[in-house]
Amino acid sequence: MFKELVVATHNQGKVEEFKTLMQGLPLEIKYLADFEPVEEPVENGRTFAANARLKATYYAKKLGKVCIADDSGLEVQALDGAPGVRSARYAGEKATDEENNNLLLHNMKFQVKRTCRFRCALCVVQPDGKVLNEVDGICEGMLLHAPLGEEGFGYDPLFWSTELHKGMGEASMQEKNKISHRGKAIRKLMAIWGKKK
């Protein structure tokens, strides 16, 4: 088992979640902010899994370290799975969370069926490009008609969790991590690693 793992993300919200969810692992966990900046890869995969693999492979080779990358987003049933892999860039390449949320609410204005899910794909890759692990996690819910709560990031304010019976934007980090797509994926990964120790 490797001793050091780099979480390949610049998203501060994700960094905080990884820090909490991976507490207690016998690994030194580092983040992209701990290294000299490298150009970001083009995320042109058609699935979350493809993008996670692309990012993990890219950063593992660039940094010469074992890297874990996540690709995640929101899939809305009434929009045929959109925003999907375009979740972070739904309203444009440099879109803010607020701009993405506003566009989604606009596109869903006349929709009665509001079933949606958060999906996360995680991939762990060695510096030589070998994929060590790939897992995913899903969190089911409903899309709200307006933002709710001040917690979380991304589409959290628009997501009603059917597991928590509250808005994701109202949930504490602890509550969210128990049921979130990323929490589920990381726990799957840790269960696999537990078997490999």
N, C-alpha and C. Protein backbone atom coordinates (compact mmCIF):
# COMPACT_ATOMS: atom_id res chain seq x y z
N MET A 1 0.87 -1.21 0.00
CA MET A 1 0.00 0.00 0.00
C MET A 1 0.90 1.25 0.00
N PHE A 2 0.51 2.22 -0.78
CA PHE A 2 1.27 3.47 -0.85
C PHE A 2 1.13 4.26 0.45
N LYS A 3 2.07 5.17 0.69
CA LYS A 3 2.10 5.92 1.95
C LYS A 3 1.60 7.36 1.80
N GLU A 4 1.54 7.83 0.54
CA GLU A 4 1.16 9.22 0.29
C GLU A 4 0.12 9.25 -0.84
N LEU A 5 -0.86 10.11 -0.68
CA LEU A 5 -1.93 10.22 -1.67
C LEU A 5 -2.22 11.69 -1.93
N VAL A 6 -2.27 12.06 -3.19
CA VAL A 6 -2.59 13.45 -3.56
C VAL A 6 -4.03 13.52 -4.05
N VAL A 7 -4.81 14.37 -3.41
CA VAL A 7 -6.19 14.62 -3.85
C VAL A 7 -6.13 15.69 -4.93
N ALA A 8 -6.43 15.29 -6.17
CA ALA A 8 -6.23 16.18 -7.32
C ALA A 8 -7.45 17.06 -7.56
N THR A 9 -7.61 18.09 -6.73
CA THR A 9 -8.68 19.07 -6.94
C THR A 9 -8.25 20.43 -6.42
N HIS A 10 -8.78 21.46 -7.08
CA HIS A 10 -8.60 22.85 -6.61
C HIS A 10 -9.87 23.34 -5.91
N ASN A 11 -10.91 22.52 -5.94
CA ASN A 11 -12.21 22.91 -5.37
C ASN A 11 -12.14 22.83 -3.85
N GLN A 12 -12.22 23.98 -3.19
CA GLN A 12 -12.03 24.03 -1.74
C GLN A 12 -13.11 23.26 -0.99
N GLY A 13 -14.32 23.26 -1.54
CA GLY A 13 -15.40 22.49 -0.93
C GLY A 13 -15.09 21.00 -0.92
N LYS A 14 -14.57 20.51 -2.04
CA LYS A 14 -14.19 19.09 -2.12
C LYS A 14 -13.02 18.79 -1.19
N VAL A 15 -12.05 19.70 -1.13
CA VAL A 15 -10.89 19.51 -0.25
C VAL A 15 -11.36 19.29 1.19
N GLU A 16 -12.28 20.13 1.65
CA GLU A 16 -12.78 20.01 3.03
C GLU A 16 -13.47 18.65 3.24
N GLU A 17 -14.23 18.21 2.26
CA GLU A 17 -14.92 16.92 2.37
C GLU A 17 -13.92 15.77 2.42
N PHE A 18 -12.93 15.80 1.54
CA PHE A 18 -11.91 14.74 1.53
C PHE A 18 -11.16 14.70 2.86
N LYS A 19 -10.82 15.88 3.38
CA LYS A 19 -10.09 15.94 4.66
C LYS A 19 -10.88 15.25 5.76
N THR A 20 -12.19 15.53 5.82
CA THR A 20 -13.04 14.94 6.85
C THR A 20 -13.24 13.45 6.62
N LEU A 21 -13.55 13.07 5.39
CA LEU A 21 -13.89 11.68 5.08
C LEU A 21 -12.68 10.74 5.15
N MET A 22 -11.48 11.26 4.92
CA MET A 22 -10.30 10.40 4.89
C MET A 22 -9.49 10.48 6.19
N GLN A 23 -10.06 11.14 7.20
CA GLN A 23 -9.40 11.21 8.50
C GLN A 23 -9.14 9.79 9.02
N GLY A 24 -7.98 9.60 9.62
CA GLY A 24 -7.69 8.30 10.25
C GLY A 24 -7.05 7.29 9.33
N LEU A 25 -6.96 7.60 8.02
CA LEU A 25 -6.27 6.68 7.11
C LEU A 25 -4.77 6.74 7.40
N PRO A 26 -4.08 5.59 7.33
CA PRO A 26 -2.63 5.60 7.58
C PRO A 26 -1.85 6.10 6.36
N LEU A 27 -2.23 7.28 5.88
CA LEU A 27 -1.63 7.86 4.67
C LEU A 27 -1.35 9.33 4.91
N GLU A 28 -0.33 9.83 4.24
CA GLU A 28 -0.12 11.28 4.22
C GLU A 28 -0.94 11.81 3.05
N ILE A 29 -1.94 12.62 3.35
CA ILE A 29 -2.82 13.14 2.29
C ILE A 29 -2.38 14.55 1.92
N LYS A 30 -2.15 14.75 0.63
CA LYS A 30 -1.75 16.07 0.13
C LYS A 30 -2.77 16.54 -0.90
N TYR A 31 -2.66 17.81 -1.24
CA TYR A 31 -3.60 18.43 -2.18
C TYR A 31 -2.81 19.19 -3.24
N LEU A 32 -3.45 19.54 -4.35
CA LEU A 32 -2.74 20.25 -5.42
C LEU A 32 -2.11 21.55 -4.93
N ALA A 33 -2.74 22.17 -3.95
CA ALA A 33 -2.22 23.43 -3.39
C ALA A 33 -0.85 23.25 -2.72
N ASP A 34 -0.49 21.99 -2.40
CA ASP A 34 0.80 21.71 -1.77
C ASP A 34 1.95 21.65 -2.78
N PHE A 35 1.64 21.74 -4.06
CA PHE A 35 2.65 21.61 -5.11
C PHE A 35 2.70 22.85 -5.99
N GLU A 36 3.78 22.95 -6.76
CA GLU A 36 3.87 24.02 -7.76
C GLU A 36 2.71 23.85 -8.74
N PRO A 37 2.10 24.97 -9.17
CA PRO A 37 0.94 24.85 -10.07
C PRO A 37 1.30 24.16 -11.39
N VAL A 38 0.41 23.29 -11.84
CA VAL A 38 0.55 22.68 -13.17
C VAL A 38 -0.72 23.00 -13.95
N GLU A 39 -0.57 23.07 -15.26
CA GLU A 39 -1.72 23.37 -16.11
C GLU A 39 -2.79 22.30 -15.93
N GLU A 40 -4.04 22.72 -15.90
CA GLU A 40 -5.13 21.76 -15.69
C GLU A 40 -5.42 20.99 -16.97
N PRO A 41 -5.80 19.72 -16.84
CA PRO A 41 -6.12 18.94 -18.03
C PRO A 41 -7.48 19.35 -18.61
N VAL A 42 -7.69 19.04 -19.87
CA VAL A 42 -8.99 19.28 -20.50
C VAL A 42 -9.91 18.12 -20.14
N GLU A 43 -11.02 18.43 -19.49
CA GLU A 43 -11.97 17.39 -19.09
C GLU A 43 -12.96 17.14 -20.22
N ASN A 44 -12.61 16.23 -21.12
CA ASN A 44 -13.47 15.99 -22.28
C ASN A 44 -14.09 14.59 -22.28
N GLY A 45 -14.07 13.94 -21.11
CA GLY A 45 -14.71 12.62 -21.01
C GLY A 45 -16.22 12.74 -21.11
N ARG A 46 -16.85 11.66 -21.56
CA ARG A 46 -18.32 11.68 -21.70
C ARG A 46 -19.03 11.21 -20.44
N THR A 47 -18.26 10.66 -19.51
CA THR A 47 -18.85 10.19 -18.25
C THR A 47 -18.03 10.72 -17.09
N PHE A 48 -18.63 10.67 -15.89
CA PHE A 48 -17.90 11.09 -14.70
C PHE A 48 -16.67 10.19 -14.51
N ALA A 49 -16.85 8.88 -14.74
CA ALA A 49 -15.74 7.93 -14.56
C ALA A 49 -14.58 8.25 -15.50
N ALA A 50 -14.90 8.58 -16.74
CA ALA A 50 -13.85 8.90 -17.73
C ALA A 50 -13.08 10.16 -17.32
N ASN A 51 -13.79 11.17 -16.83
CA ASN A 51 -13.13 12.41 -16.40
C ASN A 51 -12.29 12.19 -15.14
N ALA A 52 -12.80 11.39 -14.20
CA ALA A 52 -12.03 11.10 -12.98
C ALA A 52 -10.73 10.39 -13.35
N ARG A 53 -10.82 9.41 -14.26
CA ARG A 53 -9.63 8.66 -14.70
C ARG A 53 -8.65 9.58 -15.41
N LEU A 54 -9.18 10.44 -16.28
CA LEU A 54 -8.35 11.39 -17.03
C LEU A 54 -7.57 12.30 -16.08
N LYS A 55 -8.27 12.87 -15.07
CA LYS A 55 -7.62 13.79 -14.13
C LYS A 55 -6.61 13.07 -13.24
N ALA A 56 -7.00 11.91 -12.72
CA ALA A 56 -6.09 11.17 -11.82
C ALA A 56 -4.82 10.76 -12.57
N THR A 57 -4.97 10.30 -13.81
CA THR A 57 -3.81 9.87 -14.62
C THR A 57 -2.91 11.06 -14.92
N TYR A 58 -3.51 12.16 -15.31
CA TYR A 58 -2.76 13.37 -15.66
C TYR A 58 -1.92 13.85 -14.48
N TYR A 59 -2.55 14.01 -13.32
CA TYR A 59 -1.83 14.56 -12.17
C TYR A 59 -0.84 13.55 -11.58
N ALA A 60 -1.15 12.27 -11.63
CA ALA A 60 -0.21 11.25 -11.13
C ALA A 60 1.09 11.29 -11.92
N LYS A 61 0.97 11.44 -13.24
CA LYS A 61 2.17 11.51 -14.10
C LYS A 61 2.91 12.83 -13.91
N LYS A 62 2.16 13.93 -13.81
CA LYS A 62 2.78 15.26 -13.66
C LYS A 62 3.51 15.39 -12.32
N LEU A 63 2.91 14.86 -11.25
CA LEU A 63 3.47 15.05 -9.91
C LEU A 63 4.35 13.88 -9.46
N GLY A 64 4.26 12.76 -10.18
CA GLY A 64 5.03 11.58 -9.79
C GLY A 64 4.56 10.98 -8.47
N LYS A 65 3.26 11.13 -8.20
CA LYS A 65 2.67 10.64 -6.95
C LYS A 65 1.39 9.85 -7.26
N VAL A 66 0.99 9.00 -6.31
CA VAL A 66 -0.32 8.36 -6.42
C VAL A 66 -1.38 9.43 -6.22
N CYS A 67 -2.31 9.54 -7.16
CA CYS A 67 -3.32 10.59 -7.11
C CYS A 67 -4.72 10.01 -7.12
N ILE A 68 -5.61 10.69 -6.41
CA ILE A 68 -7.04 10.38 -6.48
C ILE A 68 -7.74 11.59 -7.06
N ALA A 69 -8.61 11.34 -8.03
CA ALA A 69 -9.39 12.43 -8.62
C ALA A 69 -10.86 12.05 -8.58
N ASP A 70 -11.66 13.10 -8.45
CA ASP A 70 -13.10 12.92 -8.38
C ASP A 70 -13.72 13.67 -9.54
N ASP A 71 -14.72 13.10 -10.16
CA ASP A 71 -15.57 13.90 -11.05
C ASP A 71 -16.99 13.65 -10.60
N SER A 72 -17.71 14.73 -10.42
CA SER A 72 -19.04 14.58 -9.85
C SER A 72 -19.94 15.68 -10.36
N GLY A 73 -21.23 15.47 -10.19
CA GLY A 73 -22.17 16.48 -10.62
C GLY A 73 -23.59 16.05 -10.39
N LEU A 74 -24.48 16.85 -10.92
CA LEU A 74 -25.91 16.65 -10.73
C LEU A 74 -26.55 16.15 -12.02
N GLU A 75 -27.38 15.13 -11.91
CA GLU A 75 -28.13 14.61 -13.05
C GLU A 75 -29.62 14.83 -12.77
N VAL A 76 -30.26 15.60 -13.63
CA VAL A 76 -31.69 15.90 -13.47
C VAL A 76 -32.48 15.09 -14.50
N GLN A 77 -33.40 14.28 -14.01
CA GLN A 77 -34.13 13.36 -14.88
C GLN A 77 -34.88 14.08 -15.99
N ALA A 78 -35.56 15.18 -15.65
CA ALA A 78 -36.37 15.92 -16.63
C ALA A 78 -35.52 16.56 -17.73
N LEU A 79 -34.22 16.72 -17.47
CA LEU A 79 -33.30 17.32 -18.46
C LEU A 79 -32.41 16.26 -19.10
N ASP A 80 -32.89 15.00 -19.09
CA ASP A 80 -32.14 13.89 -19.68
C ASP A 80 -30.74 13.74 -19.09
N GLY A 81 -30.63 13.99 -17.78
CA GLY A 81 -29.34 13.80 -17.11
C GLY A 81 -28.46 15.03 -17.04
N ALA A 82 -28.88 16.13 -17.66
CA ALA A 82 -28.11 17.38 -17.56
C ALA A 82 -28.30 17.95 -16.14
N PRO A 83 -27.37 18.78 -15.67
CA PRO A 83 -26.11 19.21 -16.29
C PRO A 83 -25.04 18.11 -16.42
N GLY A 84 -25.12 17.02 -15.65
CA GLY A 84 -24.21 15.88 -15.82
C GLY A 84 -22.74 16.27 -15.74
N VAL A 85 -21.96 15.76 -16.70
CA VAL A 85 -20.51 16.02 -16.67
C VAL A 85 -20.18 17.50 -16.88
N ARG A 86 -21.17 18.27 -17.32
CA ARG A 86 -20.97 19.72 -17.50
C ARG A 86 -21.37 20.51 -16.25
N SER A 87 -21.61 19.82 -15.13
CA SER A 87 -22.16 20.47 -13.93
C SER A 87 -21.40 21.72 -13.51
N ALA A 88 -20.08 21.65 -13.47
CA ALA A 88 -19.27 22.79 -13.01
C ALA A 88 -19.23 23.91 -14.06
N ARG A 89 -19.53 23.55 -15.31
CA ARG A 89 -19.43 24.52 -16.42
C ARG A 89 -20.77 24.71 -17.12
N TYR A 90 -21.85 24.43 -16.42
CA TYR A 90 -23.19 24.44 -17.02
C TYR A 90 -23.52 25.79 -17.65
N ALA A 91 -23.20 26.87 -16.96
CA ALA A 91 -23.51 28.21 -17.46
C ALA A 91 -22.31 28.85 -18.17
N GLY A 92 -21.28 28.08 -18.43
CA GLY A 92 -20.08 28.61 -19.09
C GLY A 92 -18.81 28.10 -18.43
N GLU A 93 -17.68 28.19 -19.13
CA GLU A 93 -16.42 27.61 -18.65
C GLU A 93 -15.99 28.15 -17.29
N LYS A 94 -16.24 29.42 -17.03
CA LYS A 94 -15.81 30.04 -15.77
C LYS A 94 -17.01 30.39 -14.89
N ALA A 95 -18.09 29.66 -15.06
CA ALA A 95 -19.34 29.98 -14.35
C ALA A 95 -19.19 29.81 -12.84
N THR A 96 -19.86 30.68 -12.10
CA THR A 96 -19.90 30.55 -10.64
C THR A 96 -21.01 29.57 -10.26
N ASP A 97 -20.98 29.12 -9.01
CA ASP A 97 -22.06 28.24 -8.52
C ASP A 97 -23.41 28.91 -8.70
N GLU A 98 -23.47 30.20 -8.40
CA GLU A 98 -24.74 30.93 -8.49
C GLU A 98 -25.25 30.97 -9.93
N GLU A 99 -24.35 31.21 -10.87
CA GLU A 99 -24.75 31.25 -12.29
C GLU A 99 -25.26 29.88 -12.75
N ASN A 100 -24.57 28.82 -12.35
CA ASN A 100 -25.02 27.47 -12.70
C ASN A 100 -26.39 27.17 -12.10
N ASN A 101 -26.56 27.54 -10.83
CA ASN A 101 -27.84 27.30 -10.15
C ASN A 101 -28.97 28.08 -10.81
N ASN A 102 -28.71 29.33 -11.18
CA ASN A 102 -29.74 30.17 -11.80
C ASN A 102 -30.17 29.61 -13.16
N LEU A 103 -29.20 29.13 -13.94
CA LEU A 103 -29.52 28.55 -15.25
C LEU A 103 -30.35 27.27 -15.07
N LEU A 104 -29.97 26.46 -14.10
CA LEU A 104 -30.71 25.22 -13.85
C LEU A 104 -32.15 25.52 -13.44
N LEU A 105 -32.34 26.48 -12.54
CA LEU A 105 -33.70 26.86 -12.12
C LEU A 105 -34.51 27.38 -13.31
N HIS A 106 -33.86 28.17 -14.17
CA HIS A 106 -34.52 28.69 -15.37
C HIS A 106 -34.97 27.55 -16.28
N ASN A 107 -34.08 26.58 -16.50
CA ASN A 107 -34.38 25.46 -17.40
C ASN A 107 -35.44 24.52 -16.82
N MET A 108 -35.60 24.57 -15.51
CA MET A 108 -36.57 23.68 -14.84
C MET A 108 -37.86 24.41 -14.45
N LYS A 109 -38.00 25.66 -14.89
CA LYS A 109 -39.10 26.51 -14.44
C LYS A 109 -40.48 25.86 -14.57
N PHE A 110 -40.73 25.17 -15.68
CA PHE A 110 -42.06 24.62 -15.93
C PHE A 110 -42.12 23.10 -15.71
N GLN A 111 -41.09 22.56 -15.07
CA GLN A 111 -41.04 21.11 -14.86
C GLN A 111 -41.68 20.74 -13.53
N VAL A 112 -42.60 19.79 -13.57
CA VAL A 112 -43.23 19.30 -12.35
C VAL A 112 -42.38 18.16 -11.76
N LYS A 113 -41.91 17.27 -12.64
CA LYS A 113 -41.08 16.15 -12.19
C LYS A 113 -39.68 16.67 -11.90
N ARG A 114 -39.23 16.56 -10.64
CA ARG A 114 -37.98 17.20 -10.24
C ARG A 114 -36.98 16.20 -9.62
N THR A 115 -37.14 14.93 -9.99
CA THR A 115 -36.22 13.90 -9.50
C THR A 115 -34.80 14.17 -10.01
N CYS A 116 -33.83 14.05 -9.12
CA CYS A 116 -32.44 14.25 -9.53
C CYS A 116 -31.51 13.43 -8.63
N ARG A 117 -30.27 13.36 -9.02
CA ARG A 117 -29.28 12.64 -8.20
C ARG A 117 -27.91 13.28 -8.36
N PHE A 118 -27.15 13.27 -7.29
CA PHE A 118 -25.73 13.61 -7.36
C PHE A 118 -24.99 12.31 -7.64
N ARG A 119 -24.01 12.38 -8.54
CA ARG A 119 -23.19 11.20 -8.84
C ARG A 119 -21.72 11.58 -8.71
N CYS A 120 -20.94 10.69 -8.13
CA CYS A 120 -19.50 10.90 -7.97
C CYS A 120 -18.74 9.69 -8.46
N ALA A 121 -17.71 9.92 -9.24
CA ALA A 121 -16.78 8.86 -9.64
C ALA A 121 -15.41 9.20 -9.09
N LEU A 122 -14.76 8.22 -8.48
CA LEU A 122 -13.40 8.40 -7.95
C LEU A 122 -12.46 7.45 -8.65
N CYS A 123 -11.25 7.92 -8.92
CA CYS A 123 -10.24 7.07 -9.54
C CYS A 123 -8.89 7.31 -8.86
N VAL A 124 -8.17 6.23 -8.57
CA VAL A 124 -6.84 6.31 -7.96
C VAL A 124 -5.84 5.74 -8.97
N VAL A 125 -4.79 6.52 -9.26
CA VAL A 125 -3.83 6.14 -10.30
C VAL A 125 -2.40 6.31 -9.80
N GLN A 126 -1.54 5.35 -10.17
CA GLN A 126 -0.10 5.41 -9.86
C GLN A 126 0.61 6.35 -10.84
N PRO A 127 1.83 6.79 -10.50
CA PRO A 127 2.58 7.67 -11.40
C PRO A 127 2.86 7.05 -12.78
N ASP A 128 2.89 5.71 -12.85
CA ASP A 128 3.14 5.06 -14.15
C ASP A 128 1.86 4.94 -14.99
N GLY A 129 0.76 5.47 -14.47
CA GLY A 129 -0.49 5.45 -15.22
C GLY A 129 -1.40 4.27 -14.92
N LYS A 130 -0.94 3.36 -14.05
CA LYS A 130 -1.77 2.20 -13.72
C LYS A 130 -2.92 2.63 -12.82
N VAL A 131 -4.15 2.25 -13.22
CA VAL A 131 -5.34 2.55 -12.41
C VAL A 131 -5.42 1.52 -11.27
N LEU A 132 -5.44 2.03 -10.03
CA LEU A 132 -5.51 1.14 -8.86
C LEU A 132 -6.95 0.86 -8.43
N ASN A 133 -7.77 1.89 -8.42
CA ASN A 133 -9.15 1.73 -7.97
C ASN A 133 -10.08 2.68 -8.72
N GLU A 134 -11.30 2.22 -8.97
CA GLU A 134 -12.36 3.07 -9.50
C GLU A 134 -13.65 2.73 -8.76
N VAL A 135 -14.28 3.73 -8.18
CA VAL A 135 -15.55 3.52 -7.46
C VAL A 135 -16.49 4.68 -7.76
N ASP A 136 -17.77 4.49 -7.43
CA ASP A 136 -18.70 5.60 -7.59
C ASP A 136 -19.70 5.62 -6.44
N GLY A 137 -20.42 6.72 -6.35
CA GLY A 137 -21.44 6.88 -5.32
C GLY A 137 -22.58 7.73 -5.86
N ILE A 138 -23.79 7.43 -5.39
CA ILE A 138 -24.98 8.15 -5.86
C ILE A 138 -25.79 8.63 -4.66
N CYS A 139 -26.33 9.82 -4.77
CA CYS A 139 -27.19 10.40 -3.73
C CYS A 139 -28.47 10.89 -4.40
N GLU A 140 -29.60 10.27 -4.03
CA GLU A 140 -30.89 10.57 -4.68
C GLU A 140 -31.57 11.76 -4.00
N GLY A 141 -32.33 12.52 -4.80
CA GLY A 141 -33.06 13.64 -4.23
C GLY A 141 -34.04 14.28 -5.19
N MET A 142 -34.47 15.47 -4.81
CA MET A 142 -35.41 16.26 -5.63
C MET A 142 -34.84 17.66 -5.79
N LEU A 143 -35.10 18.26 -6.95
CA LEU A 143 -34.63 19.62 -7.19
C LEU A 143 -35.64 20.62 -6.63
N LEU A 144 -35.14 21.50 -5.78
CA LEU A 144 -35.99 22.53 -5.17
C LEU A 144 -36.32 23.63 -6.18
N HIS A 145 -37.31 24.47 -5.86
CA HIS A 145 -37.70 25.58 -6.74
C HIS A 145 -36.91 26.85 -6.45
N ALA A 146 -36.19 26.85 -5.34
CA ALA A 146 -35.38 28.02 -4.95
C ALA A 146 -34.29 27.54 -3.98
N PRO A 147 -33.17 28.27 -3.89
CA PRO A 147 -32.10 27.87 -2.97
C PRO A 147 -32.59 27.80 -1.53
N LEU A 148 -32.04 26.85 -0.78
CA LEU A 148 -32.43 26.65 0.61
C LEU A 148 -31.17 26.37 1.44
N GLY A 149 -30.95 27.17 2.48
CA GLY A 149 -29.81 26.95 3.37
C GLY A 149 -28.54 27.64 2.92
N GLU A 150 -27.57 27.67 3.82
CA GLU A 150 -26.31 28.39 3.58
C GLU A 150 -25.10 27.46 3.54
N GLU A 151 -25.33 26.16 3.71
CA GLU A 151 -24.21 25.21 3.78
C GLU A 151 -23.87 24.64 2.40
N GLY A 152 -22.73 23.95 2.35
CA GLY A 152 -22.36 23.24 1.12
C GLY A 152 -21.86 24.15 0.03
N PHE A 153 -21.83 23.60 -1.20
CA PHE A 153 -21.34 24.34 -2.36
C PHE A 153 -21.96 23.74 -3.61
N GLY A 154 -21.67 24.32 -4.76
CA GLY A 154 -22.22 23.78 -6.01
C GLY A 154 -23.74 23.85 -6.03
N TYR A 155 -24.36 22.71 -6.33
CA TYR A 155 -25.82 22.65 -6.43
C TYR A 155 -26.50 22.29 -5.10
N ASP A 156 -25.72 22.20 -4.02
CA ASP A 156 -26.29 21.81 -2.71
C ASP A 156 -27.54 22.63 -2.33
N PRO A 157 -27.55 23.97 -2.54
CA PRO A 157 -28.72 24.74 -2.11
C PRO A 157 -30.02 24.37 -2.84
N LEU A 158 -29.90 23.69 -4.00
CA LEU A 158 -31.09 23.35 -4.79
C LEU A 158 -31.50 21.89 -4.61
N PHE A 159 -30.78 21.15 -3.77
CA PHE A 159 -30.98 19.70 -3.67
C PHE A 159 -31.68 19.32 -2.38
N TRP A 160 -32.83 18.67 -2.51
CA TRP A 160 -33.55 18.15 -1.35
C TRP A 160 -33.18 16.68 -1.20
N SER A 161 -32.55 16.33 -0.08
CA SER A 161 -32.11 14.95 0.15
C SER A 161 -33.28 14.10 0.66
N THR A 162 -33.60 13.05 -0.07
CA THR A 162 -34.67 12.14 0.37
C THR A 162 -34.19 11.25 1.51
N GLU A 163 -32.88 11.20 1.74
CA GLU A 163 -32.35 10.42 2.87
C GLU A 163 -32.34 11.25 4.16
N LEU A 164 -31.98 12.53 4.03
CA LEU A 164 -31.92 13.41 5.21
C LEU A 164 -33.26 14.07 5.52
N HIS A 165 -34.14 14.10 4.51
CA HIS A 165 -35.42 14.82 4.63
C HIS A 165 -35.19 16.30 4.93
N LYS A 166 -34.18 16.84 4.27
CA LYS A 166 -33.90 18.28 4.37
C LYS A 166 -33.06 18.68 3.16
N GLY A 167 -32.93 19.98 2.97
CA GLY A 167 -32.09 20.46 1.88
C GLY A 167 -30.62 20.22 2.18
N MET A 168 -29.85 19.89 1.14
CA MET A 168 -28.41 19.68 1.33
C MET A 168 -27.75 20.96 1.81
N GLY A 169 -28.32 22.10 1.42
CA GLY A 169 -27.80 23.39 1.86
C GLY A 169 -28.09 23.69 3.32
N GLU A 170 -28.94 22.88 3.94
CA GLU A 170 -29.25 23.03 5.37
C GLU A 170 -28.45 22.05 6.22
N ALA A 171 -27.86 21.06 5.57
CA ALA A 171 -27.19 19.97 6.29
C ALA A 171 -25.80 20.37 6.77
N SER A 172 -25.43 19.90 7.95
CA SER A 172 -24.06 20.10 8.44
C SER A 172 -23.13 19.22 7.61
N MET A 173 -21.83 19.50 7.67
CA MET A 173 -20.84 18.69 6.95
C MET A 173 -20.97 17.22 7.38
N GLN A 174 -21.16 17.00 8.66
CA GLN A 174 -21.28 15.63 9.19
C GLN A 174 -22.49 14.91 8.61
N GLU A 175 -23.64 15.61 8.57
CA GLU A 175 -24.86 15.02 8.01
C GLU A 175 -24.68 14.73 6.53
N LYS A 176 -24.12 15.70 5.83
CA LYS A 176 -23.94 15.55 4.38
C LYS A 176 -23.01 14.39 4.05
N ASN A 177 -21.90 14.29 4.78
CA ASN A 177 -20.92 13.23 4.48
C ASN A 177 -21.49 11.83 4.68
N LYS A 178 -22.50 11.70 5.54
CA LYS A 178 -23.10 10.38 5.78
C LYS A 178 -23.86 9.87 4.57
N ILE A 179 -24.44 10.78 3.80
CA ILE A 179 -25.32 10.34 2.70
C ILE A 179 -24.87 10.82 1.32
N SER A 180 -23.85 11.67 1.26
CA SER A 180 -23.48 12.28 -0.02
C SER A 180 -22.88 11.26 -0.99
N HIS A 181 -22.95 11.59 -2.27
CA HIS A 181 -22.37 10.77 -3.33
C HIS A 181 -20.86 10.59 -3.11
N ARG A 182 -20.18 11.68 -2.70
CA ARG A 182 -18.74 11.60 -2.47
C ARG A 182 -18.43 10.77 -1.22
N GLY A 183 -19.24 10.96 -0.18
CA GLY A 183 -19.08 10.17 1.04
C GLY A 183 -19.21 8.69 0.77
N LYS A 184 -20.23 8.32 -0.02
CA LYS A 184 -20.46 6.91 -0.34
C LYS A 184 -19.31 6.33 -1.16
N ALA A 185 -18.82 7.11 -2.13
CA ALA A 185 -17.72 6.63 -2.97
C ALA A 185 -16.44 6.45 -2.15
N ILE A 186 -16.14 7.40 -1.26
CA ILE A 186 -14.92 7.32 -0.45
C ILE A 186 -15.01 6.14 0.52
N ARG A 187 -16.20 5.91 1.08
CA ARG A 187 -16.34 4.76 1.99
C ARG A 187 -16.17 3.43 1.25
N LYS A 188 -16.64 3.36 0.01
CA LYS A 188 -16.42 2.16 -0.82
C LYS A 188 -14.92 1.92 -1.00
N LEU A 189 -14.21 3.00 -1.31
CA LEU A 189 -12.78 2.93 -1.53
C LEU A 189 -12.05 2.49 -0.27
N MET A 190 -12.42 3.05 0.85
CA MET A 190 -11.77 2.70 2.12
C MET A 190 -12.05 1.25 2.49
N ALA A 191 -13.23 0.75 2.13
CA ALA A 191 -13.55 -0.66 2.38
C ALA A 191 -12.65 -1.57 1.54
N ILE A 192 -12.41 -1.17 0.29
CA ILE A 192 -11.51 -1.94 -0.59
C ILE A 192 -10.10 -1.93 -0.03
N TRP A 193 -9.64 -0.74 0.39
CA TRP A 193 -8.29 -0.63 0.95
C TRP A 193 -8.15 -1.41 2.23
N GLY A 194 -9.23 -1.46 3.01
CA GLY A 194 -9.21 -2.24 4.25
C GLY A 194 -8.95 -3.70 3.99
N LYS A 195 -9.48 -4.19 2.86
CA LYS A 195 -9.28 -5.60 2.50
C LYS A 195 -7.87 -5.84 1.97
N LYS A 196 -7.25 -4.75 1.48
CA LYS A 196 -5.91 -4.92 0.86
C LYS A 196 -4.78 -4.74 1.84
N LYS A 197 -5.06 -4.26 3.04
CA LYS A 197 -3.98 -3.99 4.00
C LYS A 197 -3.35 -5.29 4.45
